Structure formats: C-alpha cells, structure tokens
Amino acid sequence: MERTLRTLWIVVGVLLLLVAVGTVSFHLLEGLDFFDSLYLTVTILSTVGFGDIVPETALGKVIYMGLVLTGVGVFGYAVSSIASIMAERSIFKLARGFFFLGGEGRLRNHVIVVGWNELSKAVCSELKVNGYNVVLVVERDEDARDASKAGYDALVGSPLEEATYRHVGVENARAVVLTEDDPSKNLMAILRIREINRRARIVVACGDDLMKSLFYRAGADRVVNLAEVSGRILASFVFEPLVAELIEDLSEAETGLDAEQVVFQAGRSVALRELKERGLKSVVFAVARGSERYYYPSDSFELKPGDVLILMGLREDLDRDVAILSRV
C-alpha cells in the first residue's frame, strides 16, 4: 500500500510540475494572464484542446508540442494509476481512516474490534454501553457502511496488514478484540498487533482448542472458547433457568444487574464496613490481590491499595459506588 501511494504522489508531483511549467511559459512567451495560461495548459494535458486559445510564438508552439508529447502520456498514466489504486481501495482505506475516525487525536485508550458479525456487534454494543470508544476494522465496504449506521467508526482494511493497525492507532489502543471466523486471520492479526504494541490487551474468540495454545504463544492475553461458554449457559437454562438468566443479565450492562471491576486506589487500607457506612450498596463478590482471590469478603476485610474489587449490583448503584470508592 505504501509503495502504491508513493507512486501516486510521484505522478501527481510530475503533473503539477508540468502544469507549472506550461502556465509560466505561456504567460511569459504568449503574454497571456496566469488564468488563461493555466487554462491552456490544462486543456493540453487533458487532451481536450478546444482551440479557443492557441500559441502564436515559435517558442510557445515548442512548449505546446512538448506538453502534448510528454504531458499527455503522464496524464494518461496518472489516470490509470489512480484507477488502479481505487480498484484496490488503498485510497478509500486512508480516506475512511481520516474522515471517519476523526484524526489521531481521538485514537487514545480506545478498543479496536476486528470483524463485523453477530459476535462483534454484541461486543461493540457492550463496550459502547460501558463508555469505551470503539473502532472497527472490516474488510468489506458494505460492512463499514453497516457499522457506521450503527454508530461506530470503521476502517476498511486487511486484518493481515500491519498498516491497517497503524491507521486505527493500535499503538495507543487499550485493547483489541478479534472476532474473525478464520483462526489463521486471528493468529496473523495477533502477530501484527504485537509488532506495534506489546502492552494492549488482546482478546480472541476461538472455537478450536488446537488453535488456543497458538494464540497464547503469539501474544494473546485471553482466548475465549465461545462454544464452551454458550453451551454451559444453554445447559443451565434446562436445569437451573434462574441461574442462567442471572448470568445472562450480568453479561450485559444496559439493563438489570451488572458486574464492575474496580481498582482500589486509596492511599490507605480500608475495611469494607467503612465503605458500607459511606453508602456502598453493591455486593463485593470478590477481591483480587495479586494471585490471591478472596470471595465474599466479610465487613471486617481490609482492602489494600491496588486491590481489584468485583462488584455486583444494579447499574445505577454501581455507578454511585464507583464514585464512593474514588473518594476514599
């Protein structure tokens, strides 16, 4: 892609040079004003040649013939090159990246989702509800239009190319979610992303246990076997439907119950009792401290700076409780 764009810039540069030479030459040799000189030059290069303005001096005619012999060929090559680039959508990729993503200023701490399917639609919806800026990478123009109608920024590009991830600012991304059905594409995408960003969290959807270890070795942070997860929930609807409904409710943030992961950033240790006295309503389901996990901690449990709390409750309670924790 970069080579194609470089060729395009060279061709455009040569065209501009010919336009400048012709305009200045006709102005000096034929006594035309700059606009008429530009007009004559453009009609020559584009092979239109209306004949309403013609050179009268010998040198002017030499410039005219020179532009016909060299400029027309360059112009034709430029047109064919631009057509070729548009055919492979290189320009369209860059244009969509510039106009739809709103420039590099917005691409900070965002989440990149690769693929546009039923899975990625659910991923984008959940991320959006939780306040994350989502940028999509899709391979088809119609998918980009569909994603745009749904309210998401989308870039048309190959998930196998490093340039694609640079265009969506992967070096500044918070995380990347890979939802492609083709495991080989997901594997190559992980390698491309890790070449640019070693810190971004990479989450991959996987239905093949044989590929799971390869994804981890390539640099994925989490590989989720969707068949196993969805299969367990479907089975639970048979023998414990209320539990399954609760799990389904917790998995989406828009309505009902939700779960929230919060880092405790106070400058001192605090007992859970004190937080409840401050108005904490959510259930503290678990506390993660390094590799240790503390489930259903009691009111006397001492939270330490850096602990990760898993809260469960209604969405409005969670929002208020997160604010309480930030003020401790």
Protein backbone atom coordinates (compact mmCIF):
# COMPACT_ATOMS: atom_id res chain seq x y z
CA MET A 1 0.00 0.00 0.00
CA GLU A 2 2.78 2.42 0.90
CA ARG A 3 4.51 1.73 -2.45
CA THR A 4 1.27 2.41 -4.32
CA LEU A 5 0.77 5.71 -2.53
CA ARG A 6 4.38 6.70 -3.15
CA THR A 7 3.87 6.08 -6.89
CA LEU A 8 0.72 8.17 -6.82
CA TRP A 9 2.48 11.10 -5.16
CA ILE A 10 5.29 10.95 -7.74
CA VAL A 11 2.80 11.01 -10.62
CA VAL A 12 0.85 13.87 -9.06
CA GLY A 13 4.10 15.76 -8.49
CA VAL A 14 5.13 15.39 -12.14
CA LEU A 15 1.70 16.56 -13.27
CA LEU A 16 1.88 19.63 -11.06
CA LEU A 17 5.37 20.37 -12.37
CA LEU A 18 4.12 20.20 -15.98
CA VAL A 19 1.18 22.45 -15.13
CA ALA A 20 3.53 24.96 -13.52
CA VAL A 21 5.98 24.90 -16.44
CA GLY A 22 3.24 25.30 -19.02
CA THR A 23 1.48 28.08 -17.11
CA VAL A 24 4.62 30.14 -16.56
CA SER A 25 5.88 29.54 -20.12
CA PHE A 26 2.67 30.63 -21.82
CA HIS A 27 2.46 33.66 -19.53
CA LEU A 28 5.98 34.78 -20.42
CA LEU A 29 6.07 33.77 -24.08
CA GLU A 30 2.50 34.42 -25.19
CA GLY A 31 1.66 37.34 -22.92
CA LEU A 32 -1.40 35.56 -21.51
CA ASP A 33 -2.55 36.21 -17.97
CA PHE A 34 -1.97 33.44 -15.45
CA PHE A 35 -5.53 32.13 -15.57
CA ASP A 36 -5.57 31.82 -19.38
CA SER A 37 -2.10 30.25 -19.25
CA LEU A 38 -3.32 27.69 -16.70
CA TYR A 39 -6.46 27.09 -18.76
CA LEU A 40 -4.42 26.42 -21.94
CA THR A 41 -2.02 24.09 -20.10
CA VAL A 42 -4.81 22.02 -18.55
CA THR A 43 -6.66 21.63 -21.86
CA ILE A 44 -3.44 20.41 -23.48
CA LEU A 45 -2.64 17.87 -20.74
CA SER A 46 -6.19 16.57 -20.62
CA THR A 47 -6.27 16.25 -24.46
CA VAL A 48 -9.43 18.39 -24.59
CA GLY A 49 -7.92 21.09 -26.84
CA PHE A 50 -10.82 23.45 -27.50
CA GLY A 51 -8.64 25.66 -29.73
CA ASP A 52 -10.06 28.91 -28.34
CA ILE A 53 -6.57 29.88 -27.15
CA VAL A 54 -3.54 28.90 -29.26
CA PRO A 55 0.15 29.80 -29.02
CA GLU A 56 1.36 32.33 -31.62
CA THR A 57 5.12 32.49 -30.96
CA ALA A 58 7.58 29.85 -32.08
CA LEU A 59 8.74 29.12 -28.52
CA GLY A 60 5.14 28.94 -27.38
CA LYS A 61 4.45 26.33 -30.04
CA VAL A 62 7.53 24.38 -28.93
CA ILE A 63 6.20 24.34 -25.34
CA TYR A 64 2.81 23.30 -26.71
CA MET A 65 4.30 20.36 -28.62
CA GLY A 66 6.44 19.38 -25.65
CA LEU A 67 3.39 19.25 -23.38
CA VAL A 68 1.49 17.21 -25.97
CA LEU A 69 4.31 14.67 -26.38
CA THR A 70 5.22 14.29 -22.70
CA GLY A 71 2.29 15.63 -20.69
CA VAL A 72 -0.45 13.60 -22.35
CA GLY A 73 1.42 10.38 -21.57
CA VAL A 74 1.96 11.40 -17.95
CA PHE A 75 -1.68 12.41 -17.62
CA GLY A 76 -2.85 9.07 -19.03
CA TYR A 77 -0.53 7.19 -16.67
CA ALA A 78 -1.81 9.23 -13.74
CA VAL A 79 -5.43 8.42 -14.59
CA SER A 80 -4.70 4.70 -14.93
CA SER A 81 -2.69 4.69 -11.67
CA ILE A 82 -5.48 6.40 -9.75
CA ALA A 83 -8.00 3.95 -11.20
CA SER A 84 -5.81 1.04 -10.14
CA ILE A 85 -5.43 2.41 -6.61
CA MET A 86 -9.15 2.97 -6.28
CA ALA A 87 -9.76 -0.57 -7.51
CA GLU A 88 -7.70 -1.97 -4.63
CA ARG A 89 -9.29 0.58 -2.26
CA SER A 90 -5.98 1.89 -0.92
CA ILE A 91 -7.13 5.49 -1.15
CA PHE A 92 -10.53 4.60 0.23
CA LYS A 93 -8.89 2.98 3.24
CA LEU A 94 -6.94 6.11 4.04
CA ALA A 95 -9.90 8.41 3.39
CA ARG A 96 -12.16 6.39 5.66
CA GLY A 97 -9.48 6.31 8.31
CA PHE A 98 -9.12 10.10 8.18
CA PHE A 99 -12.72 11.20 7.83
CA PHE A 100 -14.50 8.56 9.90
CA LEU A 101 -12.00 8.23 12.73
CA GLY A 102 -11.70 11.97 13.17
CA GLY A 103 -7.90 12.11 13.20
CA GLU A 104 -5.31 10.76 15.61
CA GLY A 105 -6.49 12.97 18.47
CA ARG A 106 -9.43 10.65 19.16
CA LEU A 107 -7.41 7.45 18.98
CA ARG A 108 -6.28 7.21 22.59
CA ASN A 109 -7.16 4.42 25.02
CA HIS A 110 -9.73 3.08 22.53
CA VAL A 111 -10.77 -0.51 21.81
CA ILE A 112 -10.25 -1.98 18.36
CA VAL A 113 -12.69 -4.68 17.25
CA VAL A 114 -11.70 -6.73 14.19
CA GLY A 115 -14.56 -8.16 12.15
CA TRP A 116 -18.23 -7.32 11.65
CA ASN A 117 -20.58 -10.17 12.50
CA GLU A 118 -23.17 -11.02 15.14
CA LEU A 119 -20.44 -11.56 17.72
CA SER A 120 -18.65 -8.28 17.08
CA LYS A 121 -21.97 -6.41 17.10
CA ALA A 122 -22.62 -7.69 20.63
CA VAL A 123 -19.05 -6.84 21.65
CA CYS A 124 -19.33 -3.29 20.30
CA SER A 125 -22.70 -2.76 21.96
CA GLU A 126 -21.40 -3.82 25.38
CA LEU A 127 -18.26 -1.72 25.04
CA LYS A 128 -20.28 1.32 24.00
CA VAL A 129 -22.67 0.96 26.96
CA ASN A 130 -19.65 0.85 29.26
CA GLY A 131 -18.30 4.09 27.81
CA TYR A 132 -15.47 2.83 25.60
CA ASN A 133 -14.51 4.40 22.29
CA VAL A 134 -14.77 1.61 19.71
CA VAL A 135 -13.02 1.47 16.33
CA LEU A 136 -13.80 -1.34 13.91
CA VAL A 137 -11.58 -2.96 11.29
CA VAL A 138 -13.60 -4.58 8.49
CA GLU A 139 -12.68 -5.99 5.09
CA ARG A 140 -15.76 -5.01 3.09
CA ASP A 141 -17.15 -1.60 2.24
CA GLU A 142 -20.70 -2.71 2.96
CA ASP A 143 -19.67 -3.81 6.47
CA ALA A 144 -18.15 -0.38 7.07
CA ARG A 145 -21.36 1.31 5.97
CA ASP A 146 -23.40 -1.01 8.17
CA ALA A 147 -21.15 -0.34 11.17
CA SER A 148 -21.28 3.39 10.52
CA LYS A 149 -25.09 3.31 10.51
CA ALA A 150 -24.92 1.53 13.88
CA GLY A 151 -22.87 4.43 15.22
CA TYR A 152 -19.35 3.02 15.11
CA ASP A 153 -16.17 4.26 13.42
CA ALA A 154 -14.95 1.76 10.84
CA LEU A 155 -11.85 1.35 8.70
CA VAL A 156 -11.82 -0.83 5.60
CA GLY A 157 -8.57 -2.76 5.61
CA SER A 158 -7.00 -6.18 5.75
CA PRO A 159 -6.52 -7.65 9.24
CA LEU A 160 -3.34 -9.23 7.88
CA GLU A 161 -1.56 -5.93 7.16
CA GLU A 162 0.46 -4.01 9.72
CA ALA A 163 -0.53 -0.72 8.06
CA THR A 164 -4.20 -1.38 8.89
CA TYR A 165 -3.50 -1.42 12.62
CA ARG A 166 -1.33 1.68 12.41
CA HIS A 167 -4.20 3.54 10.71
CA VAL A 168 -6.51 2.73 13.67
CA GLY A 169 -3.87 3.77 16.22
CA VAL A 170 -3.16 0.36 17.72
CA GLU A 171 -0.03 1.78 19.37
CA ASN A 172 -2.33 3.84 21.64
CA ALA A 173 -5.13 1.27 21.99
CA ARG A 174 -6.35 -0.06 25.30
CA ALA A 175 -7.35 -3.45 23.87
CA VAL A 176 -8.04 -5.36 20.67
CA VAL A 177 -10.88 -7.88 20.28
CA LEU A 178 -10.56 -10.37 17.41
CA THR A 179 -13.84 -11.88 16.23
CA GLU A 180 -12.91 -13.25 12.80
CA ASP A 181 -14.21 -16.74 11.99
CA ASP A 182 -10.93 -17.68 10.33
CA PRO A 183 -8.42 -18.69 13.06
CA SER A 184 -5.47 -18.14 10.70
CA LYS A 185 -6.50 -14.49 10.30
CA ASN A 186 -6.76 -14.09 14.06
CA LEU A 187 -3.31 -15.62 14.51
CA MET A 188 -1.74 -13.30 11.95
CA ALA A 189 -3.58 -10.33 13.47
CA ILE A 190 -2.10 -11.09 16.91
CA LEU A 191 1.41 -11.17 15.44
CA ARG A 192 0.86 -7.88 13.58
CA ILE A 193 -0.52 -6.15 16.66
CA ARG A 194 2.30 -7.35 18.89
CA GLU A 195 4.84 -5.96 16.41
CA ILE A 196 3.45 -2.50 17.17
CA ASN A 197 2.06 -2.67 20.72
CA ARG A 198 3.33 -5.06 23.37
CA ARG A 199 1.00 -3.75 26.09
CA ALA A 200 -2.50 -3.67 24.58
CA ARG A 201 -4.78 -6.43 25.85
CA ILE A 202 -5.69 -8.87 23.07
CA VAL A 203 -8.86 -10.93 23.47
CA VAL A 204 -9.62 -13.60 20.86
CA ALA A 205 -12.78 -15.57 20.14
CA CYS A 206 -11.91 -19.19 19.44
CA GLY A 207 -13.83 -22.36 18.69
CA ASP A 208 -10.81 -24.58 18.15
CA ASP A 209 -8.81 -25.85 21.12
CA LEU A 210 -5.92 -26.72 18.81
CA MET A 211 -5.51 -23.03 17.96
CA LYS A 212 -5.91 -21.86 21.55
CA SER A 213 -2.31 -22.56 22.56
CA LEU A 214 -1.03 -20.96 19.35
CA PHE A 215 -2.97 -17.78 20.10
CA TYR A 216 -1.44 -17.59 23.57
CA ARG A 217 2.06 -18.24 22.20
CA ALA A 218 1.55 -15.49 19.59
CA GLY A 219 0.74 -12.97 22.33
CA ALA A 220 -2.98 -13.14 23.12
CA ASP A 221 -3.96 -12.24 26.68
CA ARG A 222 -7.24 -14.13 26.71
CA VAL A 223 -8.68 -16.75 24.38
CA VAL A 224 -12.39 -17.44 24.85
CA ASN A 225 -13.96 -20.66 23.60
CA LEU A 226 -17.44 -19.37 22.77
CA ALA A 227 -18.86 -22.84 22.21
CA GLU A 228 -17.97 -23.91 25.75
CA VAL A 229 -19.28 -20.74 27.38
CA SER A 230 -22.55 -20.61 25.44
CA GLY A 231 -23.00 -24.37 25.80
CA ARG A 232 -22.82 -24.18 29.59
CA ILE A 233 -25.35 -21.33 29.69
CA LEU A 234 -27.72 -23.22 27.38
CA ALA A 235 -27.48 -26.30 29.59
CA SER A 236 -28.13 -24.20 32.70
CA PHE A 237 -31.39 -22.97 31.17
CA VAL A 238 -32.55 -26.60 31.32
CA PHE A 239 -31.91 -27.45 34.97
CA GLU A 240 -31.34 -24.05 36.67
CA PRO A 241 -33.00 -21.42 34.47
CA LEU A 242 -32.93 -18.67 37.10
CA VAL A 243 -29.17 -19.03 37.46
CA ALA A 244 -28.78 -18.91 33.69
CA GLU A 245 -30.93 -15.78 33.50
CA LEU A 246 -28.78 -14.14 36.16
CA ILE A 247 -25.59 -14.98 34.26
CA GLU A 248 -27.09 -13.63 31.05
CA ASP A 249 -28.18 -10.46 32.83
CA LEU A 250 -24.73 -9.94 34.34
CA SER A 251 -23.10 -10.32 30.94
CA GLU A 252 -24.70 -7.13 29.60
CA ALA A 253 -24.59 -3.70 31.18
CA GLU A 254 -27.54 -1.91 29.60
CA THR A 255 -30.27 -3.17 31.94
CA GLY A 256 -30.74 -5.04 35.21
CA LEU A 257 -27.83 -6.41 37.19
CA ASP A 258 -24.26 -5.84 36.19
CA ALA A 259 -20.74 -6.55 37.42
CA GLU A 260 -17.97 -3.95 37.69
CA GLN A 261 -14.22 -4.37 38.08
CA VAL A 262 -12.70 -1.54 40.12
CA VAL A 263 -9.14 -0.93 41.27
CA PHE A 264 -9.00 0.30 44.87
CA GLN A 265 -6.70 3.33 44.69
CA ALA A 266 -6.97 4.80 48.18
CA GLY A 267 -3.77 5.77 49.95
CA ARG A 268 -4.56 3.58 52.96
CA SER A 269 -6.17 0.30 53.96
CA VAL A 270 -9.92 0.47 54.50
CA ALA A 271 -12.33 -2.08 55.99
CA LEU A 272 -15.39 -2.96 53.92
CA ARG A 273 -17.50 -1.89 56.86
CA GLU A 274 -16.31 1.70 56.42
CA LEU A 275 -17.25 1.66 52.73
CA LYS A 276 -20.74 0.41 53.54
CA GLU A 277 -21.09 3.15 56.12
CA ARG A 278 -20.21 5.60 53.35
CA GLY A 279 -23.12 4.24 51.31
CA LEU A 280 -21.68 1.30 49.31
CA LYS A 281 -24.70 -0.75 48.15
CA SER A 282 -23.24 -3.19 45.63
CA VAL A 283 -22.25 -6.69 46.66
CA VAL A 284 -18.48 -7.19 46.84
CA PHE A 285 -18.36 -10.55 45.11
CA ALA A 286 -14.58 -10.96 45.16
CA VAL A 287 -11.31 -9.17 45.82
CA ALA A 288 -8.19 -9.94 43.78
CA ARG A 289 -4.82 -9.24 45.40
CA GLY A 290 -2.02 -10.39 43.15
CA SER A 291 -2.60 -14.11 42.56
CA GLU A 292 -4.88 -14.40 45.60
CA ARG A 293 -8.69 -14.35 45.37
CA TYR A 294 -10.99 -13.56 48.30
CA TYR A 295 -14.63 -14.43 47.68
CA TYR A 296 -17.50 -12.88 49.64
CA PRO A 297 -15.20 -10.93 52.00
CA SER A 298 -16.71 -10.03 55.37
CA ASP A 299 -17.30 -6.50 56.64
CA SER A 300 -14.05 -6.66 58.59
CA PHE A 301 -12.00 -7.46 55.48
CA GLU A 302 -9.25 -4.86 54.99
CA LEU A 303 -8.93 -3.55 51.45
CA LYS A 304 -5.41 -2.52 50.47
CA PRO A 305 -4.32 -0.06 47.77
CA GLY A 306 -4.08 -1.88 44.46
CA ASP A 307 -6.74 -4.49 45.29
CA VAL A 308 -9.18 -5.24 42.47
CA LEU A 309 -12.83 -5.41 43.53
CA ILE A 310 -15.55 -7.24 41.65
CA LEU A 311 -18.83 -5.51 42.44
CA MET A 312 -22.30 -6.76 41.54
CA GLY A 313 -25.47 -4.71 41.65
CA LEU A 314 -27.88 -2.55 39.73
CA ARG A 315 -26.30 -0.26 37.15
CA GLU A 316 -27.26 2.91 38.99
CA ASP A 317 -25.87 1.57 42.29
CA LEU A 318 -22.62 0.54 40.66
CA ASP A 319 -22.07 3.99 39.18
CA ARG A 320 -22.58 5.59 42.57
CA ASP A 321 -20.40 3.01 44.37
CA VAL A 322 -17.52 3.53 41.93
CA ALA A 323 -17.70 7.24 42.76
CA ILE A 324 -17.62 6.42 46.51
CA LEU A 325 -14.52 4.29 46.05
CA SER A 326 -12.78 7.05 44.12
CA ARG A 327 -13.29 9.49 47.01
CA VAL A 328 -11.80 7.26 49.74
